[in-house]
Amino acid sequence: MKKIHVLLLVLFLMFLGIVSVQAQDEQVPPFAIGLRANPDGAGITAKYFFIPAVSIEAMINGSGGTYYGNGPSTTFLGLIEYNFIFNDPSWRIFIGPGAHVTSWRQYPELKEPRQTLMGLDAIIGVEYVFYEIPIGISLDLKPAMNFGNSVTSFPNNSAGLGVRYYFGNWGRRRANQTPIQDGRSPVQDGR
């Protein structure tokens, strides 16, 4: 199981490295990295925008397993999200599907081996981005369904509060500019 944890961590760090190098280019859409807390743990989240309305998000979540008594777990997941951006571009609603791999120990006191589970996720949430800083605060619901015999879901990771720091084009823009004007992104109109 340690090999799986190390592999997931290495893949996540490679993803962060590639995106952060790209984010130094003025013509790259935003990239955000931050923390997401849930009722029984926390994790790291990274979000990359292909265009202002479409993003991918990767998370590594850890849970102590005490909230519902499910035992400790570590989850790596990926999501594809559509972002509904309002007239005030600081506000957005995001929604999308995803998938996860979880390493889980149901009864840690028995010292039994960890189980590996896979499953499907969905997410719906709202985010407010303070472009002057540039920090985004989000609140989301992320239900999940596992493919396994012993557990079908982890309710302790279904609600989350996130804080992200934005890099890339949105992080460098002036406070009086909006990320979308006349339907064009900052990348399309050269801002």
N, C-alpha and C. Protein backbone atom coordinates (compact mmCIF):
# COMPACT_ATOMS: atom_id res chain seq x y z
N MET A 1 0.80 -1.19 0.00
CA MET A 1 0.00 0.00 0.00
C MET A 1 0.85 1.26 0.00
N LYS A 2 2.01 1.20 0.66
CA LYS A 2 2.88 2.38 0.67
C LYS A 2 3.32 2.73 -0.74
N LYS A 3 3.51 1.71 -1.59
CA LYS A 3 3.90 1.97 -2.96
C LYS A 3 2.82 2.76 -3.69
N ILE A 4 1.56 2.44 -3.44
CA ILE A 4 0.46 3.15 -4.07
C ILE A 4 0.44 4.60 -3.60
N HIS A 5 0.63 4.82 -2.29
CA HIS A 5 0.67 6.20 -1.77
C HIS A 5 1.80 7.00 -2.39
N VAL A 6 2.96 6.40 -2.49
CA VAL A 6 4.12 7.08 -3.06
C VAL A 6 3.86 7.38 -4.54
N LEU A 7 3.32 6.42 -5.28
CA LEU A 7 3.03 6.62 -6.69
C LEU A 7 2.03 7.75 -6.88
N LEU A 8 0.95 7.76 -6.09
CA LEU A 8 -0.05 8.82 -6.21
C LEU A 8 0.56 10.18 -5.89
N LEU A 9 1.39 10.25 -4.87
CA LEU A 9 2.03 11.51 -4.50
C LEU A 9 2.98 11.98 -5.60
N VAL A 10 3.76 11.08 -6.18
CA VAL A 10 4.68 11.44 -7.26
C VAL A 10 3.90 11.95 -8.48
N LEU A 11 2.82 11.27 -8.86
CA LEU A 11 2.02 11.71 -9.99
C LEU A 11 1.43 13.10 -9.74
N PHE A 12 0.94 13.32 -8.53
CA PHE A 12 0.37 14.62 -8.18
C PHE A 12 1.43 15.72 -8.24
N LEU A 13 2.62 15.45 -7.70
CA LEU A 13 3.69 16.45 -7.72
C LEU A 13 4.18 16.72 -9.15
N MET A 14 4.20 15.69 -10.00
CA MET A 14 4.56 15.90 -11.41
C MET A 14 3.53 16.80 -12.09
N PHE A 15 2.26 16.56 -11.82
CA PHE A 15 1.19 17.40 -12.37
C PHE A 15 1.38 18.85 -11.93
N LEU A 16 1.66 19.06 -10.64
CA LEU A 16 1.87 20.41 -10.13
C LEU A 16 3.09 21.07 -10.78
N GLY A 17 4.16 20.31 -10.95
CA GLY A 17 5.36 20.87 -11.56
C GLY A 17 5.14 21.30 -13.00
N ILE A 18 4.48 20.46 -13.77
CA ILE A 18 4.22 20.79 -15.18
C ILE A 18 3.35 22.02 -15.29
N VAL A 19 2.28 22.07 -14.50
CA VAL A 19 1.36 23.19 -14.59
C VAL A 19 1.98 24.47 -14.06
N SER A 20 2.77 24.40 -12.99
CA SER A 20 3.36 25.62 -12.44
C SER A 20 4.40 26.20 -13.39
N VAL A 21 5.13 25.36 -14.12
CA VAL A 21 6.07 25.86 -15.13
C VAL A 21 5.29 26.55 -16.25
N GLN A 22 4.20 25.95 -16.69
CA GLN A 22 3.38 26.56 -17.74
C GLN A 22 2.74 27.85 -17.26
N ALA A 23 2.38 27.95 -15.98
CA ALA A 23 1.69 29.12 -15.45
C ALA A 23 2.58 30.36 -15.46
N GLN A 24 3.88 30.20 -15.64
CA GLN A 24 4.77 31.35 -15.69
C GLN A 24 4.67 32.07 -17.03
N ASP A 25 4.11 31.44 -18.02
CA ASP A 25 3.89 32.05 -19.32
C ASP A 25 2.65 32.93 -19.24
N GLU A 26 2.73 34.17 -19.74
CA GLU A 26 1.61 35.11 -19.69
C GLU A 26 0.39 34.60 -20.45
N GLN A 27 0.56 33.73 -21.43
CA GLN A 27 -0.56 33.31 -22.26
C GLN A 27 -1.26 32.05 -21.74
N VAL A 28 -0.94 31.61 -20.55
CA VAL A 28 -1.52 30.40 -20.01
C VAL A 28 -2.70 30.75 -19.10
N PRO A 29 -3.83 30.05 -19.25
CA PRO A 29 -4.96 30.29 -18.37
C PRO A 29 -4.59 29.98 -16.91
N PRO A 30 -5.44 30.35 -15.98
CA PRO A 30 -5.13 30.22 -14.56
C PRO A 30 -4.92 28.78 -14.09
N PHE A 31 -4.12 28.70 -13.07
CA PHE A 31 -3.87 27.47 -12.34
C PHE A 31 -3.97 27.84 -10.86
N ALA A 32 -4.61 26.99 -10.07
CA ALA A 32 -4.77 27.28 -8.65
C ALA A 32 -4.34 26.07 -7.83
N ILE A 33 -3.76 26.34 -6.68
CA ILE A 33 -3.40 25.29 -5.74
C ILE A 33 -3.85 25.74 -4.35
N GLY A 34 -4.31 24.79 -3.56
CA GLY A 34 -4.78 25.16 -2.23
C GLY A 34 -5.09 23.97 -1.36
N LEU A 35 -5.88 24.25 -0.34
CA LEU A 35 -6.28 23.25 0.64
C LEU A 35 -7.79 23.10 0.63
N ARG A 36 -8.25 21.87 0.90
CA ARG A 36 -9.69 21.59 1.03
C ARG A 36 -9.90 20.84 2.32
N ALA A 37 -10.73 21.40 3.20
CA ALA A 37 -11.05 20.75 4.47
C ALA A 37 -12.43 20.12 4.39
N ASN A 38 -12.58 18.96 5.03
CA ASN A 38 -13.87 18.30 5.10
C ASN A 38 -14.12 17.93 6.56
N PRO A 39 -15.30 17.40 6.90
CA PRO A 39 -15.60 17.15 8.32
C PRO A 39 -14.62 16.24 9.06
N ASP A 40 -13.86 15.41 8.33
CA ASP A 40 -12.99 14.45 9.01
C ASP A 40 -11.55 14.49 8.52
N GLY A 41 -11.15 15.56 7.88
CA GLY A 41 -9.77 15.61 7.39
C GLY A 41 -9.54 16.79 6.49
N ALA A 42 -8.52 16.68 5.66
CA ALA A 42 -8.16 17.76 4.75
C ALA A 42 -7.33 17.20 3.62
N GLY A 43 -7.06 18.05 2.65
CA GLY A 43 -6.26 17.61 1.52
C GLY A 43 -5.74 18.77 0.71
N ILE A 44 -4.99 18.41 -0.33
CA ILE A 44 -4.42 19.37 -1.27
C ILE A 44 -5.26 19.32 -2.54
N THR A 45 -5.51 20.48 -3.11
CA THR A 45 -6.27 20.55 -4.35
C THR A 45 -5.52 21.40 -5.36
N ALA A 46 -5.57 21.02 -6.62
CA ALA A 46 -4.99 21.79 -7.71
C ALA A 46 -5.99 21.84 -8.85
N LYS A 47 -6.16 23.02 -9.42
CA LYS A 47 -7.15 23.22 -10.48
C LYS A 47 -6.48 23.93 -11.65
N TYR A 48 -6.69 23.42 -12.86
CA TYR A 48 -6.12 23.99 -14.07
C TYR A 48 -7.25 24.29 -15.05
N PHE A 49 -7.26 25.51 -15.58
CA PHE A 49 -8.30 25.93 -16.51
C PHE A 49 -7.80 25.82 -17.95
N PHE A 50 -8.48 25.01 -18.76
CA PHE A 50 -8.18 24.94 -20.19
C PHE A 50 -8.70 26.19 -20.88
N ILE A 51 -9.93 26.56 -20.55
CA ILE A 51 -10.56 27.80 -20.96
C ILE A 51 -11.29 28.30 -19.72
N PRO A 52 -11.78 29.54 -19.69
CA PRO A 52 -12.40 30.03 -18.46
C PRO A 52 -13.55 29.18 -17.93
N ALA A 53 -14.24 28.45 -18.79
CA ALA A 53 -15.39 27.68 -18.31
C ALA A 53 -15.09 26.21 -18.04
N VAL A 54 -13.94 25.69 -18.45
CA VAL A 54 -13.64 24.26 -18.29
C VAL A 54 -12.31 24.09 -17.55
N SER A 55 -12.36 23.27 -16.50
CA SER A 55 -11.15 23.04 -15.71
C SER A 55 -11.06 21.57 -15.32
N ILE A 56 -9.85 21.17 -14.94
CA ILE A 56 -9.66 19.87 -14.31
C ILE A 56 -9.16 20.15 -12.90
N GLU A 57 -9.54 19.27 -11.99
CA GLU A 57 -9.10 19.43 -10.61
C GLU A 57 -8.59 18.09 -10.10
N ALA A 58 -7.47 18.13 -9.41
CA ALA A 58 -6.90 16.94 -8.78
C ALA A 58 -6.85 17.19 -7.28
N MET A 59 -7.18 16.17 -6.50
CA MET A 59 -7.16 16.29 -5.04
C MET A 59 -6.50 15.07 -4.43
N ILE A 60 -5.82 15.31 -3.33
CA ILE A 60 -5.39 14.24 -2.44
C ILE A 60 -6.00 14.57 -1.09
N ASN A 61 -6.88 13.70 -0.61
CA ASN A 61 -7.58 13.91 0.66
C ASN A 61 -7.18 12.85 1.66
N GLY A 62 -7.00 13.28 2.88
CA GLY A 62 -6.77 12.34 3.98
C GLY A 62 -7.90 12.45 4.98
N SER A 63 -8.32 11.33 5.52
CA SER A 63 -9.41 11.31 6.48
C SER A 63 -9.01 10.45 7.67
N GLY A 64 -9.31 10.93 8.86
CA GLY A 64 -9.01 10.16 10.06
C GLY A 64 -9.97 9.02 10.29
N GLY A 65 -11.14 9.08 9.64
CA GLY A 65 -12.11 8.00 9.76
C GLY A 65 -12.90 8.01 11.05
N THR A 66 -12.87 9.10 11.79
CA THR A 66 -13.58 9.13 13.07
C THR A 66 -14.96 9.73 12.96
N TYR A 67 -15.24 10.50 11.92
CA TYR A 67 -16.52 11.20 11.80
C TYR A 67 -17.68 10.22 11.69
N TYR A 68 -17.58 9.21 10.83
CA TYR A 68 -18.61 8.19 10.68
C TYR A 68 -18.12 6.81 11.12
N GLY A 69 -16.92 6.72 11.65
CA GLY A 69 -16.38 5.45 12.09
C GLY A 69 -15.97 4.53 10.97
N ASN A 70 -15.63 5.09 9.81
CA ASN A 70 -15.26 4.27 8.65
C ASN A 70 -13.80 3.87 8.62
N GLY A 71 -12.98 4.41 9.48
CA GLY A 71 -11.55 4.11 9.45
C GLY A 71 -10.81 5.11 8.57
N PRO A 72 -9.50 5.23 8.77
CA PRO A 72 -8.72 6.21 8.02
C PRO A 72 -8.60 5.86 6.54
N SER A 73 -8.55 6.91 5.71
CA SER A 73 -8.43 6.70 4.27
C SER A 73 -7.59 7.81 3.66
N THR A 74 -7.00 7.49 2.51
CA THR A 74 -6.30 8.45 1.68
C THR A 74 -6.86 8.30 0.28
N THR A 75 -7.30 9.42 -0.31
CA THR A 75 -7.96 9.37 -1.60
C THR A 75 -7.27 10.30 -2.59
N PHE A 76 -7.01 9.79 -3.79
CA PHE A 76 -6.53 10.60 -4.91
C PHE A 76 -7.66 10.63 -5.91
N LEU A 77 -8.05 11.83 -6.36
CA LEU A 77 -9.14 11.90 -7.32
C LEU A 77 -8.93 12.99 -8.35
N GLY A 78 -9.57 12.81 -9.48
CA GLY A 78 -9.54 13.79 -10.55
C GLY A 78 -10.96 14.12 -10.98
N LEU A 79 -11.19 15.38 -11.30
CA LEU A 79 -12.51 15.85 -11.70
C LEU A 79 -12.39 16.72 -12.95
N ILE A 80 -13.39 16.66 -13.80
CA ILE A 80 -13.52 17.60 -14.93
C ILE A 80 -14.71 18.48 -14.58
N GLU A 81 -14.49 19.79 -14.58
CA GLU A 81 -15.52 20.70 -14.08
C GLU A 81 -15.91 21.73 -15.14
N TYR A 82 -17.20 22.02 -15.19
CA TYR A 82 -17.70 23.13 -15.98
C TYR A 82 -17.98 24.26 -15.01
N ASN A 83 -17.49 25.46 -15.33
CA ASN A 83 -17.63 26.62 -14.45
C ASN A 83 -18.63 27.60 -15.05
N PHE A 84 -19.72 27.84 -14.34
CA PHE A 84 -20.70 28.85 -14.74
C PHE A 84 -20.23 30.17 -14.13
N ILE A 85 -19.82 31.11 -14.99
CA ILE A 85 -19.29 32.37 -14.51
C ILE A 85 -20.37 33.44 -14.68
N PHE A 86 -20.61 34.20 -13.63
CA PHE A 86 -21.67 35.20 -13.62
C PHE A 86 -21.20 36.54 -14.17
N ASN A 87 -22.11 37.52 -14.22
CA ASN A 87 -21.74 38.87 -14.67
C ASN A 87 -20.62 39.44 -13.81
N ASP A 88 -20.67 39.18 -12.52
CA ASP A 88 -19.54 39.51 -11.66
C ASP A 88 -18.64 38.29 -11.71
N PRO A 89 -17.52 38.35 -12.44
CA PRO A 89 -16.70 37.15 -12.67
C PRO A 89 -16.01 36.61 -11.42
N SER A 90 -16.11 37.32 -10.31
CA SER A 90 -15.55 36.79 -9.07
C SER A 90 -16.33 35.57 -8.58
N TRP A 91 -17.61 35.49 -8.94
CA TRP A 91 -18.46 34.37 -8.52
C TRP A 91 -18.54 33.34 -9.63
N ARG A 92 -18.52 32.08 -9.25
CA ARG A 92 -18.72 30.99 -10.20
C ARG A 92 -19.34 29.80 -9.48
N ILE A 93 -20.10 29.04 -10.24
CA ILE A 93 -20.61 27.73 -9.78
C ILE A 93 -19.90 26.69 -10.63
N PHE A 94 -19.41 25.63 -10.01
CA PHE A 94 -18.74 24.58 -10.78
C PHE A 94 -19.44 23.25 -10.51
N ILE A 95 -19.43 22.42 -11.54
CA ILE A 95 -20.10 21.11 -11.47
C ILE A 95 -19.36 20.16 -12.41
N GLY A 96 -19.28 18.89 -12.02
CA GLY A 96 -18.62 17.95 -12.92
C GLY A 96 -18.45 16.56 -12.35
N PRO A 97 -18.07 15.62 -13.22
CA PRO A 97 -17.83 14.23 -12.82
C PRO A 97 -16.35 13.97 -12.56
N GLY A 98 -16.06 12.83 -11.95
CA GLY A 98 -14.67 12.45 -11.71
C GLY A 98 -14.56 11.00 -11.28
N ALA A 99 -13.34 10.62 -10.92
CA ALA A 99 -13.06 9.26 -10.46
C ALA A 99 -11.98 9.33 -9.39
N HIS A 100 -11.92 8.29 -8.55
CA HIS A 100 -10.95 8.28 -7.45
C HIS A 100 -10.39 6.88 -7.21
N VAL A 101 -9.24 6.88 -6.52
CA VAL A 101 -8.63 5.67 -5.98
C VAL A 101 -8.42 5.95 -4.49
N THR A 102 -8.86 5.02 -3.65
CA THR A 102 -8.78 5.20 -2.20
C THR A 102 -8.02 4.05 -1.55
N SER A 103 -7.17 4.39 -0.63
CA SER A 103 -6.51 3.41 0.23
C SER A 103 -7.15 3.56 1.60
N TRP A 104 -7.68 2.46 2.15
CA TRP A 104 -8.55 2.55 3.31
C TRP A 104 -8.32 1.40 4.27
N ARG A 105 -8.38 1.68 5.55
CA ARG A 105 -8.31 0.65 6.58
C ARG A 105 -9.55 0.77 7.45
N GLN A 106 -10.46 -0.20 7.34
CA GLN A 106 -11.74 -0.11 8.03
C GLN A 106 -11.58 -0.23 9.55
N TYR A 107 -10.77 -1.15 10.01
CA TYR A 107 -10.59 -1.36 11.45
C TYR A 107 -9.11 -1.22 11.79
N PRO A 108 -8.62 0.00 12.01
CA PRO A 108 -7.19 0.19 12.25
C PRO A 108 -6.68 -0.50 13.51
N GLU A 109 -7.55 -0.69 14.49
CA GLU A 109 -7.11 -1.34 15.73
C GLU A 109 -6.79 -2.82 15.53
N LEU A 110 -7.29 -3.44 14.46
CA LEU A 110 -7.02 -4.85 14.19
C LEU A 110 -5.76 -5.05 13.34
N LYS A 111 -5.14 -3.96 12.92
CA LYS A 111 -3.91 -4.00 12.11
C LYS A 111 -4.07 -4.81 10.82
N GLU A 112 -5.27 -4.82 10.28
CA GLU A 112 -5.48 -5.52 9.01
C GLU A 112 -4.95 -4.68 7.86
N PRO A 113 -4.64 -5.30 6.74
CA PRO A 113 -4.07 -4.55 5.61
C PRO A 113 -5.07 -3.54 5.05
N ARG A 114 -4.53 -2.52 4.44
CA ARG A 114 -5.37 -1.50 3.81
C ARG A 114 -6.01 -2.07 2.54
N GLN A 115 -7.20 -1.60 2.24
CA GLN A 115 -7.90 -1.99 1.02
C GLN A 115 -7.73 -0.87 -0.01
N THR A 116 -7.72 -1.22 -1.26
CA THR A 116 -7.71 -0.24 -2.33
C THR A 116 -9.06 -0.29 -3.02
N LEU A 117 -9.72 0.85 -3.08
CA LEU A 117 -11.03 0.95 -3.70
C LEU A 117 -10.97 1.99 -4.82
N MET A 118 -11.79 1.80 -5.83
CA MET A 118 -11.93 2.78 -6.90
C MET A 118 -13.40 3.14 -6.99
N GLY A 119 -13.66 4.31 -7.55
CA GLY A 119 -15.05 4.71 -7.66
C GLY A 119 -15.24 5.97 -8.48
N LEU A 120 -16.48 6.40 -8.53
CA LEU A 120 -16.87 7.59 -9.28
C LEU A 120 -17.24 8.71 -8.32
N ASP A 121 -16.99 9.93 -8.75
CA ASP A 121 -17.29 11.11 -7.96
C ASP A 121 -18.10 12.09 -8.79
N ALA A 122 -18.71 13.02 -8.10
CA ALA A 122 -19.35 14.18 -8.72
C ALA A 122 -19.06 15.35 -7.80
N ILE A 123 -19.13 16.56 -8.33
CA ILE A 123 -18.91 17.73 -7.49
C ILE A 123 -19.82 18.85 -7.96
N ILE A 124 -20.31 19.60 -7.00
CA ILE A 124 -21.03 20.84 -7.27
C ILE A 124 -20.63 21.81 -6.17
N GLY A 125 -20.32 23.02 -6.57
CA GLY A 125 -19.88 23.99 -5.58
C GLY A 125 -19.95 25.41 -6.08
N VAL A 126 -19.63 26.32 -5.19
CA VAL A 126 -19.60 27.74 -5.51
C VAL A 126 -18.25 28.29 -5.05
N GLU A 127 -17.69 29.22 -5.84
CA GLU A 127 -16.40 29.80 -5.50
C GLU A 127 -16.46 31.31 -5.69
N TYR A 128 -15.78 32.01 -4.80
CA TYR A 128 -15.59 33.45 -4.95
C TYR A 128 -14.09 33.70 -5.04
N VAL A 129 -13.65 34.41 -6.09
CA VAL A 129 -12.23 34.69 -6.29
C VAL A 129 -11.97 36.16 -6.03
N PHE A 130 -11.06 36.44 -5.11
CA PHE A 130 -10.60 37.80 -4.85
C PHE A 130 -9.44 38.05 -5.81
N TYR A 131 -9.70 38.69 -6.94
CA TYR A 131 -8.68 38.83 -7.97
C TYR A 131 -7.52 39.71 -7.56
N GLU A 132 -7.73 40.63 -6.63
CA GLU A 132 -6.65 41.52 -6.21
C GLU A 132 -5.58 40.77 -5.44
N ILE A 133 -5.94 39.64 -4.79
CA ILE A 133 -5.00 38.95 -3.90
C ILE A 133 -4.11 37.95 -4.64
N PRO A 134 -4.42 37.05 -5.49
CA PRO A 134 -5.63 36.40 -5.97
C PRO A 134 -5.90 35.07 -5.25
N ILE A 135 -6.90 35.07 -4.43
CA ILE A 135 -7.28 33.89 -3.65
C ILE A 135 -8.75 33.59 -3.89
N GLY A 136 -9.07 32.30 -4.02
CA GLY A 136 -10.44 31.86 -4.17
C GLY A 136 -10.87 31.04 -2.97
N ILE A 137 -12.11 31.24 -2.55
CA ILE A 137 -12.70 30.47 -1.44
C ILE A 137 -13.90 29.72 -2.01
N SER A 138 -13.97 28.42 -1.76
CA SER A 138 -15.05 27.62 -2.32
C SER A 138 -15.72 26.76 -1.26
N LEU A 139 -16.96 26.44 -1.52
CA LEU A 139 -17.76 25.52 -0.71
C LEU A 139 -18.37 24.53 -1.68
N ASP A 140 -18.20 23.21 -1.41
CA ASP A 140 -18.68 22.22 -2.38
C ASP A 140 -19.26 21.00 -1.70
N LEU A 141 -20.02 20.25 -2.49
CA LEU A 141 -20.50 18.92 -2.13
C LEU A 141 -19.91 17.96 -3.15
N LYS A 142 -19.32 16.86 -2.65
CA LYS A 142 -18.64 15.91 -3.54
C LYS A 142 -19.03 14.48 -3.16
N PRO A 143 -20.20 14.04 -3.59
CA PRO A 143 -20.57 12.65 -3.30
C PRO A 143 -19.71 11.69 -4.11
N ALA A 144 -19.51 10.48 -3.56
CA ALA A 144 -18.70 9.47 -4.23
C ALA A 144 -19.35 8.11 -4.08
N MET A 145 -19.11 7.25 -5.05
CA MET A 145 -19.60 5.88 -5.01
C MET A 145 -18.40 4.98 -5.26
N ASN A 146 -18.17 4.04 -4.36
CA ASN A 146 -17.04 3.11 -4.48
C ASN A 146 -17.49 1.81 -5.12
N PHE A 147 -16.54 1.18 -5.83
CA PHE A 147 -16.76 -0.16 -6.36
C PHE A 147 -16.00 -1.12 -5.46
N GLY A 148 -16.69 -1.69 -4.49
CA GLY A 148 -16.06 -2.60 -3.55
C GLY A 148 -17.12 -3.31 -2.74
N ASN A 149 -16.73 -4.40 -2.11
CA ASN A 149 -17.70 -5.19 -1.35
C ASN A 149 -18.03 -4.61 0.00
N SER A 150 -17.07 -3.94 0.65
CA SER A 150 -17.27 -3.59 2.05
C SER A 150 -17.79 -2.18 2.29
N VAL A 151 -17.59 -1.27 1.37
CA VAL A 151 -18.06 0.09 1.58
C VAL A 151 -18.45 0.68 0.23
N THR A 152 -19.57 1.39 0.21
CA THR A 152 -20.04 1.97 -1.04
C THR A 152 -19.75 3.45 -1.14
N SER A 153 -19.56 4.13 0.00
CA SER A 153 -19.27 5.56 -0.05
C SER A 153 -18.51 5.97 1.21
N PHE A 154 -17.88 7.14 1.15
CA PHE A 154 -17.23 7.74 2.29
C PHE A 154 -17.92 9.07 2.58
N PRO A 155 -18.93 9.10 3.46
CA PRO A 155 -19.67 10.35 3.69
C PRO A 155 -18.82 11.43 4.35
N ASN A 156 -17.69 11.06 4.97
CA ASN A 156 -16.87 12.04 5.66
C ASN A 156 -16.11 12.96 4.71
N ASN A 157 -16.12 12.69 3.42
CA ASN A 157 -15.41 13.52 2.46
C ASN A 157 -16.37 14.18 1.48
N SER A 158 -17.67 14.20 1.79
CA SER A 158 -18.64 14.67 0.81
C SER A 158 -18.86 16.17 0.81
N ALA A 159 -18.50 16.88 1.85
CA ALA A 159 -18.63 18.34 1.89
C ALA A 159 -17.26 18.93 2.15
N GLY A 160 -16.98 20.06 1.51
CA GLY A 160 -15.66 20.63 1.70
C GLY A 160 -15.63 22.15 1.60
N LEU A 161 -14.67 22.73 2.26
CA LEU A 161 -14.38 24.16 2.21
C LEU A 161 -12.96 24.30 1.69
N GLY A 162 -12.80 25.01 0.59
CA GLY A 162 -11.48 25.12 -0.03
C GLY A 162 -10.98 26.56 -0.09
N VAL A 163 -9.67 26.70 -0.05
CA VAL A 163 -8.99 27.97 -0.24
C VAL A 163 -7.88 27.73 -1.24
N ARG A 164 -7.88 28.50 -2.35
CA ARG A 164 -6.89 28.31 -3.41
C ARG A 164 -6.18 29.62 -3.75
N TYR A 165 -4.91 29.51 -4.09
CA TYR A 165 -4.15 30.66 -4.59
C TYR A 165 -4.04 30.49 -6.10
N TYR A 166 -4.37 31.55 -6.87
CA TYR A 166 -4.37 31.49 -8.33
C TYR A 166 -3.06 32.01 -8.91
N PHE A 167 -2.51 31.26 -9.88
CA PHE A 167 -1.34 31.64 -10.65
C PHE A 167 -1.78 31.87 -12.09
N GLY A 168 -0.87 32.26 -12.95
CA GLY A 168 -1.18 32.40 -14.36
C GLY A 168 -1.81 33.73 -14.67
N ASN A 169 -2.55 33.77 -15.77
CA ASN A 169 -3.10 35.01 -16.29
C ASN A 169 -3.98 35.75 -15.28
N TRP A 170 -4.84 35.07 -14.56
CA TRP A 170 -5.72 35.77 -13.62
C TRP A 170 -4.93 36.32 -12.45
N GLY A 171 -3.84 35.65 -12.07
CA GLY A 171 -3.03 36.12 -10.96
C GLY A 171 -2.27 37.39 -11.29
N ARG A 172 -2.00 37.66 -12.58
CA ARG A 172 -1.23 38.83 -12.97
C ARG A 172 -2.08 40.00 -13.42
N ARG A 173 -3.38 39.82 -13.56
CA ARG A 173 -4.22 40.87 -14.11
C ARG A 173 -4.41 42.00 -13.11
N ARG A 174 -4.71 43.16 -13.63
CA ARG A 174 -4.98 44.30 -12.76
C ARG A 174 -6.33 44.12 -12.12
N ALA A 175 -6.52 44.70 -10.97
CA ALA A 175 -7.75 44.52 -10.19
C ALA A 175 -8.98 45.03 -10.92
N ASN A 176 -8.85 46.01 -11.83
CA ASN A 176 -10.03 46.56 -12.50
C ASN A 176 -10.39 45.81 -13.78
N GLN A 177 -9.66 44.78 -14.14
CA GLN A 177 -10.00 43.97 -15.31
C GLN A 177 -10.83 42.78 -14.87
N THR A 178 -11.67 42.31 -15.76
CA THR A 178 -12.43 41.10 -15.49
C THR A 178 -11.88 39.98 -16.36
N PRO A 179 -11.96 38.72 -15.93
CA PRO A 179 -11.40 37.64 -16.72
C PRO A 179 -12.16 37.37 -18.00
N ILE A 180 -13.43 37.78 -18.08
CA ILE A 180 -14.19 37.56 -19.30
C ILE A 180 -14.92 38.86 -19.63
N GLN A 181 -14.67 39.38 -20.79
CA GLN A 181 -15.39 40.54 -21.29
C GLN A 181 -15.78 40.23 -22.72
N ASP A 182 -17.03 40.46 -23.05
CA ASP A 182 -17.53 40.21 -24.40
C ASP A 182 -17.32 38.76 -24.81
N GLY A 183 -17.35 37.83 -23.86
CA GLY A 183 -17.24 36.41 -24.18
C GLY A 183 -15.84 35.93 -24.50
N ARG A 184 -14.82 36.79 -24.38
CA ARG A 184 -13.45 36.39 -24.69
C ARG A 184 -12.66 36.27 -23.40
N SER A 185 -11.77 35.31 -23.36
CA SER A 185 -10.92 35.13 -22.18
C SER A 185 -9.71 36.06 -22.30
N PRO A 186 -8.97 36.29 -21.20
CA PRO A 186 -7.75 37.09 -21.28
C PRO A 186 -6.74 36.54 -22.28
N VAL A 187 -6.74 35.24 -22.48
CA VAL A 187 -5.81 34.62 -23.42
C VAL A 187 -6.20 34.98 -24.84
N GLN A 188 -7.51 35.01 -25.13
CA GLN A 188 -7.98 35.28 -26.49
C GLN A 188 -7.75 36.73 -26.92
N ASP A 189 -7.91 37.68 -26.01
CA ASP A 189 -7.78 39.07 -26.42
C ASP A 189 -6.44 39.69 -26.03
N GLY A 190 -5.49 38.89 -25.55
CA GLY A 190 -4.13 39.35 -25.34
C GLY A 190 -3.89 40.13 -24.07
N ARG A 191 -4.82 40.14 -23.12
CA ARG A 191 -4.60 40.86 -21.86
C ARG A 191 -3.65 40.14 -20.98
